[in-house]
Amino acid sequence: MNINKNLKFFFAFFLIVFFVFHLVCTLLHTLPEKYVFKSLKAFSFSYTNPLFNQGWALFAPPPSVNKELWVCYQHKNGKWSKWQQPFSTNLQNHQKFRITGDSKIVLAQSNILYYLEKENLLKFGQTVELNGDTNSVYFSALKFAVLKHLAKEKTEFKDIKIRVIFSAYDDSGNTKTLFYSINKK
């Protein structure tokens, strides 16, 4: 009976030591490099890399570019609407309650704008106002989403204009704004 009690104690002690070891190694692996000695980082990497091969960090950096989508449309009578952000309600709903279906719309818009920016990154260095390529796959996806949104809102229109605004900080800390306009022909 005493052997059984010692075995349970040894097993519990081993589990606690392993759990603490695992927790410390995972924490050392995920902390930014400026907070951990290189030798400890290397040791934790040798433990975590074969088991959890991911390159994620504890904190994600903030986005380098803020992106906004603006749309205006021409009514059947020929008058143009004011510029508006078509998916702002989806973003507000997503921020209030993350489990709604709005998260998919917010993620899709965010990804499309991200790749639209990457597709035109070199052109933005040459100009502040850029007329977009209507043959772009990313523009096609963006236009499709905007048209679906307008149809869902039961908006009747004759023509649409789409404008994406990219805002970033330059080297001196000033905001630099780039405009990407795409007009439906």
N, C-alpha and C. Protein backbone atom coordinates (compact mmCIF):
# COMPACT_ATOMS: atom_id res chain seq x y z
N MET A 1 0.81 -1.18 0.00
CA MET A 1 0.00 0.00 0.00
C MET A 1 0.86 1.26 0.00
N ASN A 2 1.98 1.25 0.70
CA ASN A 2 2.90 2.37 0.77
C ASN A 2 3.58 2.61 -0.58
N ILE A 3 3.85 1.54 -1.32
CA ILE A 3 4.46 1.65 -2.65
C ILE A 3 3.49 2.33 -3.60
N ASN A 4 2.24 2.00 -3.54
CA ASN A 4 1.22 2.59 -4.38
C ASN A 4 1.10 4.09 -4.11
N LYS A 5 1.21 4.50 -2.83
CA LYS A 5 1.14 5.90 -2.46
C LYS A 5 2.37 6.65 -2.98
N ASN A 6 3.55 6.04 -2.89
CA ASN A 6 4.77 6.65 -3.42
C ASN A 6 4.71 6.79 -4.94
N LEU A 7 4.14 5.80 -5.59
CA LEU A 7 4.02 5.83 -7.05
C LEU A 7 3.10 6.98 -7.49
N LYS A 8 1.99 7.16 -6.79
CA LYS A 8 1.07 8.26 -7.10
C LYS A 8 1.75 9.61 -6.88
N PHE A 9 2.49 9.73 -5.79
CA PHE A 9 3.20 10.97 -5.50
C PHE A 9 4.23 11.28 -6.60
N PHE A 10 5.00 10.25 -6.99
CA PHE A 10 6.01 10.42 -8.04
C PHE A 10 5.36 10.83 -9.36
N PHE A 11 4.26 10.19 -9.70
CA PHE A 11 3.56 10.47 -10.94
C PHE A 11 3.01 11.91 -10.92
N ALA A 12 2.38 12.33 -9.82
CA ALA A 12 1.85 13.68 -9.70
C ALA A 12 2.98 14.71 -9.76
N PHE A 13 4.10 14.43 -9.09
CA PHE A 13 5.25 15.32 -9.11
C PHE A 13 5.80 15.46 -10.53
N PHE A 14 5.92 14.35 -11.24
CA PHE A 14 6.41 14.36 -12.61
C PHE A 14 5.49 15.19 -13.50
N LEU A 15 4.16 15.05 -13.38
CA LEU A 15 3.22 15.82 -14.20
C LEU A 15 3.32 17.32 -13.92
N ILE A 16 3.46 17.67 -12.66
CA ILE A 16 3.56 19.09 -12.30
C ILE A 16 4.86 19.69 -12.86
N VAL A 17 5.97 18.97 -12.73
CA VAL A 17 7.25 19.45 -13.25
C VAL A 17 7.19 19.59 -14.77
N PHE A 18 6.61 18.60 -15.43
CA PHE A 18 6.49 18.65 -16.90
C PHE A 18 5.61 19.81 -17.33
N PHE A 19 4.48 20.02 -16.64
CA PHE A 19 3.57 21.11 -16.97
C PHE A 19 4.28 22.47 -16.83
N VAL A 20 4.99 22.66 -15.75
CA VAL A 20 5.72 23.92 -15.53
C VAL A 20 6.80 24.10 -16.60
N PHE A 21 7.54 23.03 -16.90
CA PHE A 21 8.57 23.08 -17.94
C PHE A 21 7.94 23.46 -19.29
N HIS A 22 6.85 22.83 -19.64
CA HIS A 22 6.17 23.10 -20.90
C HIS A 22 5.67 24.55 -20.96
N LEU A 23 5.08 25.02 -19.87
CA LEU A 23 4.57 26.38 -19.81
C LEU A 23 5.70 27.40 -19.97
N VAL A 24 6.80 27.19 -19.28
CA VAL A 24 7.94 28.13 -19.35
C VAL A 24 8.54 28.11 -20.76
N CYS A 25 8.73 26.94 -21.34
CA CYS A 25 9.30 26.87 -22.70
C CYS A 25 8.39 27.55 -23.72
N THR A 26 7.10 27.34 -23.61
CA THR A 26 6.16 27.97 -24.53
C THR A 26 6.17 29.48 -24.37
N LEU A 27 6.20 29.95 -23.14
CA LEU A 27 6.25 31.38 -22.89
C LEU A 27 7.54 31.99 -23.43
N LEU A 28 8.67 31.34 -23.21
CA LEU A 28 9.95 31.86 -23.73
C LEU A 28 9.96 31.88 -25.25
N HIS A 29 9.32 30.89 -25.85
CA HIS A 29 9.28 30.81 -27.32
C HIS A 29 8.42 31.93 -27.91
N THR A 30 7.32 32.30 -27.23
CA THR A 30 6.39 33.28 -27.79
C THR A 30 6.69 34.72 -27.44
N LEU A 31 7.47 34.94 -26.41
CA LEU A 31 7.81 36.32 -26.05
C LEU A 31 8.70 36.95 -27.12
N PRO A 32 8.59 38.26 -27.31
CA PRO A 32 9.49 38.94 -28.25
C PRO A 32 10.96 38.74 -27.85
N GLU A 33 11.82 38.69 -28.84
CA GLU A 33 13.23 38.39 -28.60
C GLU A 33 13.93 39.39 -27.68
N LYS A 34 13.45 40.62 -27.63
CA LYS A 34 14.12 41.61 -26.80
C LYS A 34 13.94 41.35 -25.32
N TYR A 35 12.99 40.47 -24.93
CA TYR A 35 12.75 40.18 -23.52
C TYR A 35 13.38 38.88 -23.03
N VAL A 36 14.00 38.12 -23.91
CA VAL A 36 14.51 36.79 -23.55
C VAL A 36 15.98 36.68 -23.96
N PHE A 37 16.81 36.08 -23.08
CA PHE A 37 18.21 35.83 -23.44
C PHE A 37 18.25 34.89 -24.64
N LYS A 38 19.26 35.08 -25.50
CA LYS A 38 19.37 34.25 -26.70
C LYS A 38 19.51 32.77 -26.37
N SER A 39 20.25 32.45 -25.32
CA SER A 39 20.44 31.04 -24.96
C SER A 39 19.11 30.40 -24.53
N LEU A 40 18.30 31.14 -23.77
CA LEU A 40 16.99 30.62 -23.37
C LEU A 40 16.04 30.50 -24.56
N LYS A 41 16.13 31.46 -25.46
CA LYS A 41 15.29 31.42 -26.67
C LYS A 41 15.66 30.20 -27.51
N ALA A 42 16.95 29.94 -27.64
CA ALA A 42 17.41 28.78 -28.42
C ALA A 42 16.97 27.47 -27.75
N PHE A 43 17.06 27.41 -26.43
CA PHE A 43 16.64 26.20 -25.71
C PHE A 43 15.13 25.98 -25.88
N SER A 44 14.35 27.04 -25.71
CA SER A 44 12.89 26.88 -25.86
C SER A 44 12.53 26.54 -27.30
N PHE A 45 13.27 27.09 -28.27
CA PHE A 45 13.02 26.77 -29.67
C PHE A 45 13.27 25.29 -29.95
N SER A 46 14.33 24.75 -29.36
CA SER A 46 14.64 23.32 -29.60
C SER A 46 13.56 22.41 -29.01
N TYR A 47 12.86 22.88 -27.99
CA TYR A 47 11.76 22.09 -27.42
C TYR A 47 10.47 22.29 -28.20
N THR A 48 10.11 23.55 -28.51
CA THR A 48 8.81 23.83 -29.12
C THR A 48 8.76 23.60 -30.63
N ASN A 49 9.87 23.80 -31.32
CA ASN A 49 9.84 23.70 -32.78
C ASN A 49 9.41 22.32 -33.29
N PRO A 50 9.94 21.21 -32.79
CA PRO A 50 9.48 19.91 -33.32
C PRO A 50 8.01 19.62 -32.98
N LEU A 51 7.52 20.15 -31.87
CA LEU A 51 6.15 19.86 -31.46
C LEU A 51 5.13 20.84 -32.01
N PHE A 52 5.49 22.11 -32.03
CA PHE A 52 4.55 23.16 -32.42
C PHE A 52 5.19 24.08 -33.44
N ASN A 53 5.46 23.60 -34.59
CA ASN A 53 6.20 24.36 -35.59
C ASN A 53 5.33 25.48 -36.16
N GLN A 54 5.33 26.63 -35.47
CA GLN A 54 4.63 27.82 -35.91
C GLN A 54 5.52 29.02 -35.66
N GLY A 55 5.36 30.04 -36.47
CA GLY A 55 6.16 31.24 -36.30
C GLY A 55 5.37 32.38 -35.72
N TRP A 56 4.44 32.11 -34.84
CA TRP A 56 3.61 33.18 -34.30
C TRP A 56 4.25 33.77 -33.05
N ALA A 57 3.94 35.03 -32.81
CA ALA A 57 4.47 35.72 -31.63
C ALA A 57 3.31 36.07 -30.70
N LEU A 58 3.65 36.47 -29.50
CA LEU A 58 2.62 36.78 -28.52
C LEU A 58 1.82 38.01 -28.92
N PHE A 59 2.44 39.00 -29.53
CA PHE A 59 1.74 40.20 -29.95
C PHE A 59 1.94 40.42 -31.44
N ALA A 60 0.85 40.70 -32.15
CA ALA A 60 0.94 40.98 -33.58
C ALA A 60 1.25 42.46 -33.77
N PRO A 61 2.05 42.80 -34.77
CA PRO A 61 2.33 44.22 -34.99
C PRO A 61 1.10 44.92 -35.55
N PRO A 62 0.97 46.22 -35.33
CA PRO A 62 -0.17 46.95 -35.89
C PRO A 62 -0.03 47.04 -37.40
N PRO A 63 -1.14 47.18 -38.11
CA PRO A 63 -1.03 47.27 -39.57
C PRO A 63 -0.26 48.52 -39.98
N SER A 64 0.52 48.41 -41.03
CA SER A 64 1.32 49.55 -41.49
C SER A 64 0.50 50.51 -42.34
N VAL A 65 -0.62 50.02 -42.88
CA VAL A 65 -1.47 50.84 -43.74
C VAL A 65 -2.93 50.66 -43.33
N ASN A 66 -3.63 51.77 -43.13
CA ASN A 66 -5.07 51.71 -42.87
C ASN A 66 -5.79 51.82 -44.21
N LYS A 67 -6.84 51.01 -44.37
CA LYS A 67 -7.54 50.96 -45.65
C LYS A 67 -9.02 51.26 -45.43
N GLU A 68 -9.59 52.09 -46.30
CA GLU A 68 -11.01 52.42 -46.24
C GLU A 68 -11.60 52.26 -47.62
N LEU A 69 -12.82 51.75 -47.68
CA LEU A 69 -13.53 51.58 -48.94
C LEU A 69 -14.70 52.56 -48.95
N TRP A 70 -14.79 53.35 -50.01
CA TRP A 70 -15.87 54.30 -50.17
C TRP A 70 -16.56 54.05 -51.50
N VAL A 71 -17.87 54.18 -51.53
CA VAL A 71 -18.66 53.93 -52.73
C VAL A 71 -19.70 55.03 -52.87
N CYS A 72 -19.93 55.45 -54.10
CA CYS A 72 -21.10 56.28 -54.38
C CYS A 72 -21.75 55.70 -55.63
N TYR A 73 -23.02 55.91 -55.76
CA TYR A 73 -23.74 55.34 -56.90
C TYR A 73 -24.67 56.38 -57.51
N GLN A 74 -24.95 56.18 -58.78
CA GLN A 74 -25.82 57.09 -59.51
C GLN A 74 -27.23 56.50 -59.51
N HIS A 75 -28.17 57.30 -59.04
CA HIS A 75 -29.58 56.86 -59.03
C HIS A 75 -30.10 56.79 -60.46
N LYS A 76 -31.26 56.18 -60.60
CA LYS A 76 -31.91 56.07 -61.92
C LYS A 76 -32.21 57.46 -62.50
N ASN A 77 -32.44 58.46 -61.61
CA ASN A 77 -32.75 59.81 -62.09
C ASN A 77 -31.49 60.60 -62.48
N GLY A 78 -30.31 60.01 -62.33
CA GLY A 78 -29.06 60.65 -62.74
C GLY A 78 -28.29 61.33 -61.63
N LYS A 79 -28.89 61.51 -60.45
CA LYS A 79 -28.18 62.15 -59.34
C LYS A 79 -27.29 61.13 -58.64
N TRP A 80 -26.13 61.64 -58.19
CA TRP A 80 -25.17 60.78 -57.49
C TRP A 80 -25.41 60.84 -55.99
N SER A 81 -25.24 59.73 -55.33
CA SER A 81 -25.36 59.68 -53.87
C SER A 81 -24.10 60.26 -53.24
N LYS A 82 -24.14 60.46 -51.92
CA LYS A 82 -22.94 60.86 -51.20
C LYS A 82 -22.02 59.66 -51.09
N TRP A 83 -20.73 59.92 -50.88
CA TRP A 83 -19.77 58.83 -50.66
C TRP A 83 -20.10 58.16 -49.34
N GLN A 84 -20.09 56.85 -49.33
CA GLN A 84 -20.40 56.09 -48.12
C GLN A 84 -19.54 54.84 -48.02
N GLN A 85 -19.41 54.35 -46.81
CA GLN A 85 -18.67 53.11 -46.58
C GLN A 85 -19.69 51.97 -46.51
N PRO A 86 -19.74 51.13 -47.52
CA PRO A 86 -20.82 50.14 -47.59
C PRO A 86 -20.80 49.08 -46.50
N PHE A 87 -19.64 48.74 -45.97
CA PHE A 87 -19.57 47.64 -45.01
C PHE A 87 -19.34 48.14 -43.57
N SER A 88 -19.60 49.43 -43.32
CA SER A 88 -19.37 49.97 -41.98
C SER A 88 -20.30 49.33 -40.95
N THR A 89 -21.54 49.03 -41.33
CA THR A 89 -22.47 48.37 -40.41
C THR A 89 -21.97 46.98 -40.05
N ASN A 90 -21.42 46.27 -41.03
CA ASN A 90 -20.88 44.94 -40.76
C ASN A 90 -19.72 45.01 -39.77
N LEU A 91 -18.86 46.01 -39.94
CA LEU A 91 -17.73 46.18 -39.03
C LEU A 91 -18.21 46.51 -37.62
N GLN A 92 -19.20 47.39 -37.50
CA GLN A 92 -19.74 47.73 -36.18
C GLN A 92 -20.37 46.50 -35.51
N ASN A 93 -21.14 45.73 -36.28
CA ASN A 93 -21.76 44.52 -35.73
C ASN A 93 -20.71 43.51 -35.29
N HIS A 94 -19.66 43.39 -36.10
CA HIS A 94 -18.57 42.46 -35.77
C HIS A 94 -17.85 42.88 -34.49
N GLN A 95 -17.63 44.17 -34.32
CA GLN A 95 -16.93 44.65 -33.13
C GLN A 95 -17.80 44.53 -31.88
N LYS A 96 -19.12 44.62 -32.02
CA LYS A 96 -20.01 44.47 -30.87
C LYS A 96 -20.11 43.01 -30.43
N PHE A 97 -20.25 42.12 -31.40
CA PHE A 97 -20.47 40.71 -31.08
C PHE A 97 -19.77 39.86 -32.15
N ARG A 98 -18.65 39.27 -31.78
CA ARG A 98 -17.75 38.63 -32.75
C ARG A 98 -18.29 37.37 -33.41
N ILE A 99 -19.34 36.79 -32.88
CA ILE A 99 -19.80 35.50 -33.40
C ILE A 99 -20.79 35.65 -34.56
N THR A 100 -21.17 36.86 -34.90
CA THR A 100 -22.12 37.07 -35.99
C THR A 100 -21.49 36.71 -37.33
N GLY A 101 -22.31 36.60 -38.34
CA GLY A 101 -21.81 36.32 -39.69
C GLY A 101 -21.09 37.49 -40.32
N ASP A 102 -21.14 38.65 -39.66
CA ASP A 102 -20.48 39.83 -40.20
C ASP A 102 -18.96 39.67 -40.24
N SER A 103 -18.42 38.78 -39.42
CA SER A 103 -16.97 38.60 -39.39
C SER A 103 -16.44 38.13 -40.74
N LYS A 104 -17.21 37.32 -41.44
CA LYS A 104 -16.76 36.84 -42.76
C LYS A 104 -16.70 37.98 -43.77
N ILE A 105 -17.67 38.88 -43.70
CA ILE A 105 -17.69 40.03 -44.61
C ILE A 105 -16.54 40.97 -44.30
N VAL A 106 -16.30 41.23 -43.02
CA VAL A 106 -15.20 42.11 -42.61
C VAL A 106 -13.86 41.51 -43.03
N LEU A 107 -13.69 40.22 -42.81
CA LEU A 107 -12.44 39.55 -43.19
C LEU A 107 -12.24 39.56 -44.70
N ALA A 108 -13.29 39.30 -45.46
CA ALA A 108 -13.18 39.30 -46.92
C ALA A 108 -12.79 40.68 -47.43
N GLN A 109 -13.45 41.73 -46.92
CA GLN A 109 -13.11 43.09 -47.35
C GLN A 109 -11.67 43.43 -46.98
N SER A 110 -11.28 43.09 -45.78
CA SER A 110 -9.92 43.38 -45.32
C SER A 110 -8.88 42.68 -46.20
N ASN A 111 -9.12 41.42 -46.52
CA ASN A 111 -8.18 40.68 -47.37
C ASN A 111 -8.12 41.24 -48.78
N ILE A 112 -9.27 41.57 -49.35
CA ILE A 112 -9.28 42.13 -50.70
C ILE A 112 -8.51 43.44 -50.74
N LEU A 113 -8.74 44.31 -49.76
CA LEU A 113 -8.03 45.60 -49.75
C LEU A 113 -6.54 45.41 -49.52
N TYR A 114 -6.18 44.43 -48.71
CA TYR A 114 -4.76 44.13 -48.47
C TYR A 114 -4.07 43.75 -49.78
N TYR A 115 -4.68 42.82 -50.53
CA TYR A 115 -4.05 42.36 -51.77
C TYR A 115 -4.13 43.41 -52.87
N LEU A 116 -5.16 44.25 -52.86
CA LEU A 116 -5.24 45.35 -53.81
C LEU A 116 -4.09 46.33 -53.57
N GLU A 117 -3.80 46.58 -52.30
CA GLU A 117 -2.66 47.45 -51.97
C GLU A 117 -1.35 46.82 -52.43
N LYS A 118 -1.14 45.54 -52.16
CA LYS A 118 0.11 44.87 -52.54
C LYS A 118 0.27 44.83 -54.05
N GLU A 119 -0.84 44.67 -54.77
CA GLU A 119 -0.80 44.62 -56.22
C GLU A 119 -0.34 45.96 -56.82
N ASN A 120 -0.64 47.06 -56.14
CA ASN A 120 -0.34 48.39 -56.67
C ASN A 120 0.72 49.14 -55.88
N LEU A 121 1.47 48.44 -55.07
CA LEU A 121 2.43 49.08 -54.16
C LEU A 121 3.46 49.93 -54.90
N LEU A 122 3.99 49.42 -55.99
CA LEU A 122 5.01 50.18 -56.73
C LEU A 122 4.42 51.42 -57.40
N LYS A 123 3.19 51.31 -57.88
CA LYS A 123 2.54 52.45 -58.53
C LYS A 123 2.26 53.57 -57.53
N PHE A 124 2.00 53.22 -56.26
CA PHE A 124 1.72 54.22 -55.25
C PHE A 124 2.93 55.09 -54.96
N GLY A 125 4.14 54.57 -55.20
CA GLY A 125 5.35 55.37 -55.00
C GLY A 125 5.48 56.47 -56.04
N GLN A 126 4.75 56.34 -57.16
CA GLN A 126 4.87 57.28 -58.25
C GLN A 126 3.76 58.33 -58.25
N THR A 127 2.64 58.05 -57.61
CA THR A 127 1.50 58.97 -57.64
C THR A 127 0.69 58.85 -56.36
N VAL A 128 -0.10 59.86 -56.11
CA VAL A 128 -0.99 59.83 -54.95
C VAL A 128 -2.38 59.36 -55.37
N GLU A 129 -2.78 59.67 -56.60
CA GLU A 129 -4.08 59.29 -57.13
C GLU A 129 -3.87 58.27 -58.23
N LEU A 130 -4.46 57.11 -58.08
CA LEU A 130 -4.24 56.04 -59.03
C LEU A 130 -5.58 55.54 -59.55
N ASN A 131 -5.72 55.49 -60.86
CA ASN A 131 -6.90 54.88 -61.45
C ASN A 131 -6.67 53.38 -61.50
N GLY A 132 -7.57 52.65 -60.91
CA GLY A 132 -7.40 51.21 -60.77
C GLY A 132 -7.63 50.43 -62.05
N ASP A 133 -7.10 49.25 -62.05
CA ASP A 133 -7.23 48.32 -63.17
C ASP A 133 -8.53 47.54 -63.00
N THR A 134 -9.47 47.74 -63.92
CA THR A 134 -10.75 47.05 -63.80
C THR A 134 -10.64 45.56 -64.15
N ASN A 135 -9.49 45.13 -64.68
CA ASN A 135 -9.28 43.71 -64.98
C ASN A 135 -8.64 42.96 -63.81
N SER A 136 -8.33 43.66 -62.73
CA SER A 136 -7.71 43.03 -61.57
C SER A 136 -8.67 42.05 -60.92
N VAL A 137 -8.15 40.91 -60.51
CA VAL A 137 -8.96 39.90 -59.80
C VAL A 137 -9.48 40.47 -58.49
N TYR A 138 -8.64 41.23 -57.80
CA TYR A 138 -9.04 41.80 -56.51
C TYR A 138 -10.13 42.85 -56.69
N PHE A 139 -10.00 43.66 -57.77
CA PHE A 139 -11.06 44.62 -58.04
C PHE A 139 -12.36 43.89 -58.37
N SER A 140 -12.28 42.83 -59.15
CA SER A 140 -13.49 42.08 -59.50
C SER A 140 -14.19 41.55 -58.26
N ALA A 141 -13.41 41.04 -57.31
CA ALA A 141 -13.98 40.54 -56.06
C ALA A 141 -14.59 41.68 -55.25
N LEU A 142 -13.91 42.83 -55.22
CA LEU A 142 -14.41 43.99 -54.50
C LEU A 142 -15.70 44.51 -55.13
N LYS A 143 -15.71 44.61 -56.44
CA LYS A 143 -16.90 45.08 -57.15
C LYS A 143 -18.08 44.13 -56.92
N PHE A 144 -17.82 42.84 -56.96
CA PHE A 144 -18.86 41.84 -56.73
C PHE A 144 -19.46 42.02 -55.33
N ALA A 145 -18.59 42.22 -54.33
CA ALA A 145 -19.06 42.41 -52.95
C ALA A 145 -19.89 43.68 -52.81
N VAL A 146 -19.44 44.77 -53.45
CA VAL A 146 -20.18 46.02 -53.39
C VAL A 146 -21.53 45.88 -54.07
N LEU A 147 -21.57 45.26 -55.24
CA LEU A 147 -22.84 45.08 -55.96
C LEU A 147 -23.80 44.21 -55.15
N LYS A 148 -23.30 43.16 -54.52
CA LYS A 148 -24.13 42.30 -53.67
C LYS A 148 -24.68 43.10 -52.49
N HIS A 149 -23.82 43.95 -51.91
CA HIS A 149 -24.25 44.77 -50.77
C HIS A 149 -25.36 45.74 -51.20
N LEU A 150 -25.18 46.40 -52.34
CA LEU A 150 -26.20 47.33 -52.82
C LEU A 150 -27.50 46.60 -53.14
N ALA A 151 -27.41 45.40 -53.68
CA ALA A 151 -28.61 44.61 -53.97
C ALA A 151 -29.31 44.21 -52.66
N LYS A 152 -28.52 43.86 -51.65
CA LYS A 152 -29.09 43.48 -50.35
C LYS A 152 -29.80 44.66 -49.71
N GLU A 153 -29.27 45.86 -49.91
CA GLU A 153 -29.88 47.08 -49.38
C GLU A 153 -31.04 47.56 -50.25
N LYS A 154 -31.32 46.81 -51.32
CA LYS A 154 -32.38 47.16 -52.28
C LYS A 154 -32.18 48.55 -52.89
N THR A 155 -30.93 48.84 -53.19
CA THR A 155 -30.56 50.11 -53.81
C THR A 155 -30.58 49.95 -55.33
N GLU A 156 -31.39 50.78 -55.98
CA GLU A 156 -31.41 50.76 -57.44
C GLU A 156 -30.45 51.83 -57.93
N PHE A 157 -29.58 51.45 -58.84
CA PHE A 157 -28.58 52.40 -59.31
C PHE A 157 -28.30 52.17 -60.78
N LYS A 158 -27.73 53.19 -61.39
CA LYS A 158 -27.37 53.13 -62.81
C LYS A 158 -25.88 52.92 -62.97
N ASP A 159 -25.09 53.49 -62.07
CA ASP A 159 -23.64 53.43 -62.17
C ASP A 159 -23.06 53.51 -60.75
N ILE A 160 -21.84 53.00 -60.59
CA ILE A 160 -21.17 53.10 -59.29
C ILE A 160 -19.76 53.63 -59.46
N LYS A 161 -19.25 54.24 -58.41
CA LYS A 161 -17.85 54.64 -58.33
C LYS A 161 -17.30 54.05 -57.04
N ILE A 162 -16.11 53.49 -57.14
CA ILE A 162 -15.46 52.88 -55.98
C ILE A 162 -14.14 53.59 -55.75
N ARG A 163 -13.88 53.92 -54.48
CA ARG A 163 -12.62 54.57 -54.14
C ARG A 163 -12.08 53.91 -52.87
N VAL A 164 -10.82 53.53 -52.92
CA VAL A 164 -10.14 52.96 -51.76
C VAL A 164 -9.11 53.98 -51.30
N ILE A 165 -9.09 54.23 -50.00
CA ILE A 165 -8.13 55.19 -49.44
C ILE A 165 -7.15 54.41 -48.57
N PHE A 166 -5.87 54.54 -48.89
CA PHE A 166 -4.80 53.91 -48.11
C PHE A 166 -4.08 55.02 -47.34
N SER A 167 -4.02 54.90 -46.02
CA SER A 167 -3.31 55.88 -45.20
C SER A 167 -2.16 55.18 -44.50
N ALA A 168 -0.98 55.78 -44.58
CA ALA A 168 0.20 55.19 -43.94
C ALA A 168 1.05 56.32 -43.38
N TYR A 169 1.93 55.96 -42.46
CA TYR A 169 2.87 56.95 -41.91
C TYR A 169 4.17 56.88 -42.69
N ASP A 170 4.69 58.05 -43.05
CA ASP A 170 5.99 58.07 -43.73
C ASP A 170 7.10 58.05 -42.69
N ASP A 171 8.34 58.15 -43.14
CA ASP A 171 9.50 58.05 -42.24
C ASP A 171 9.53 59.14 -41.17
N SER A 172 8.97 60.29 -41.45
CA SER A 172 8.99 61.38 -40.47
C SER A 172 7.77 61.36 -39.54
N GLY A 173 6.91 60.37 -39.68
CA GLY A 173 5.75 60.25 -38.79
C GLY A 173 4.50 60.95 -39.29
N ASN A 174 4.56 61.55 -40.48
CA ASN A 174 3.39 62.22 -41.05
C ASN A 174 2.52 61.20 -41.77
N THR A 175 1.22 61.47 -41.80
CA THR A 175 0.31 60.57 -42.51
C THR A 175 0.38 60.84 -44.01
N LYS A 176 0.54 59.78 -44.77
CA LYS A 176 0.54 59.87 -46.22
C LYS A 176 -0.72 59.16 -46.71
N THR A 177 -1.52 59.83 -47.51
CA THR A 177 -2.77 59.26 -47.99
C THR A 177 -2.66 58.99 -49.49
N LEU A 178 -3.05 57.80 -49.89
CA LEU A 178 -3.02 57.39 -51.28
C LEU A 178 -4.45 57.04 -51.70
N PHE A 179 -4.83 57.46 -52.88
CA PHE A 179 -6.18 57.20 -53.38
C PHE A 179 -6.14 56.24 -54.54
N TYR A 180 -6.99 55.25 -54.48
CA TYR A 180 -7.12 54.25 -55.55
C TYR A 180 -8.57 54.32 -56.00
N SER A 181 -8.83 54.87 -57.18
CA SER A 181 -10.19 55.03 -57.65
C SER A 181 -10.47 54.09 -58.81
N ILE A 182 -11.65 53.51 -58.77
CA ILE A 182 -12.06 52.62 -59.85
C ILE A 182 -13.48 53.00 -60.22
N ASN A 183 -13.68 53.41 -61.44
CA ASN A 183 -15.02 53.77 -61.89
C ASN A 183 -15.54 52.72 -62.84
N LYS A 184 -16.73 52.27 -62.60
CA LYS A 184 -17.37 51.29 -63.48
C LYS A 184 -17.70 51.99 -64.79
N LYS A 185 -17.37 51.35 -65.87
CA LYS A 185 -17.65 51.96 -67.20
C LYS A 185 -18.95 51.39 -67.73
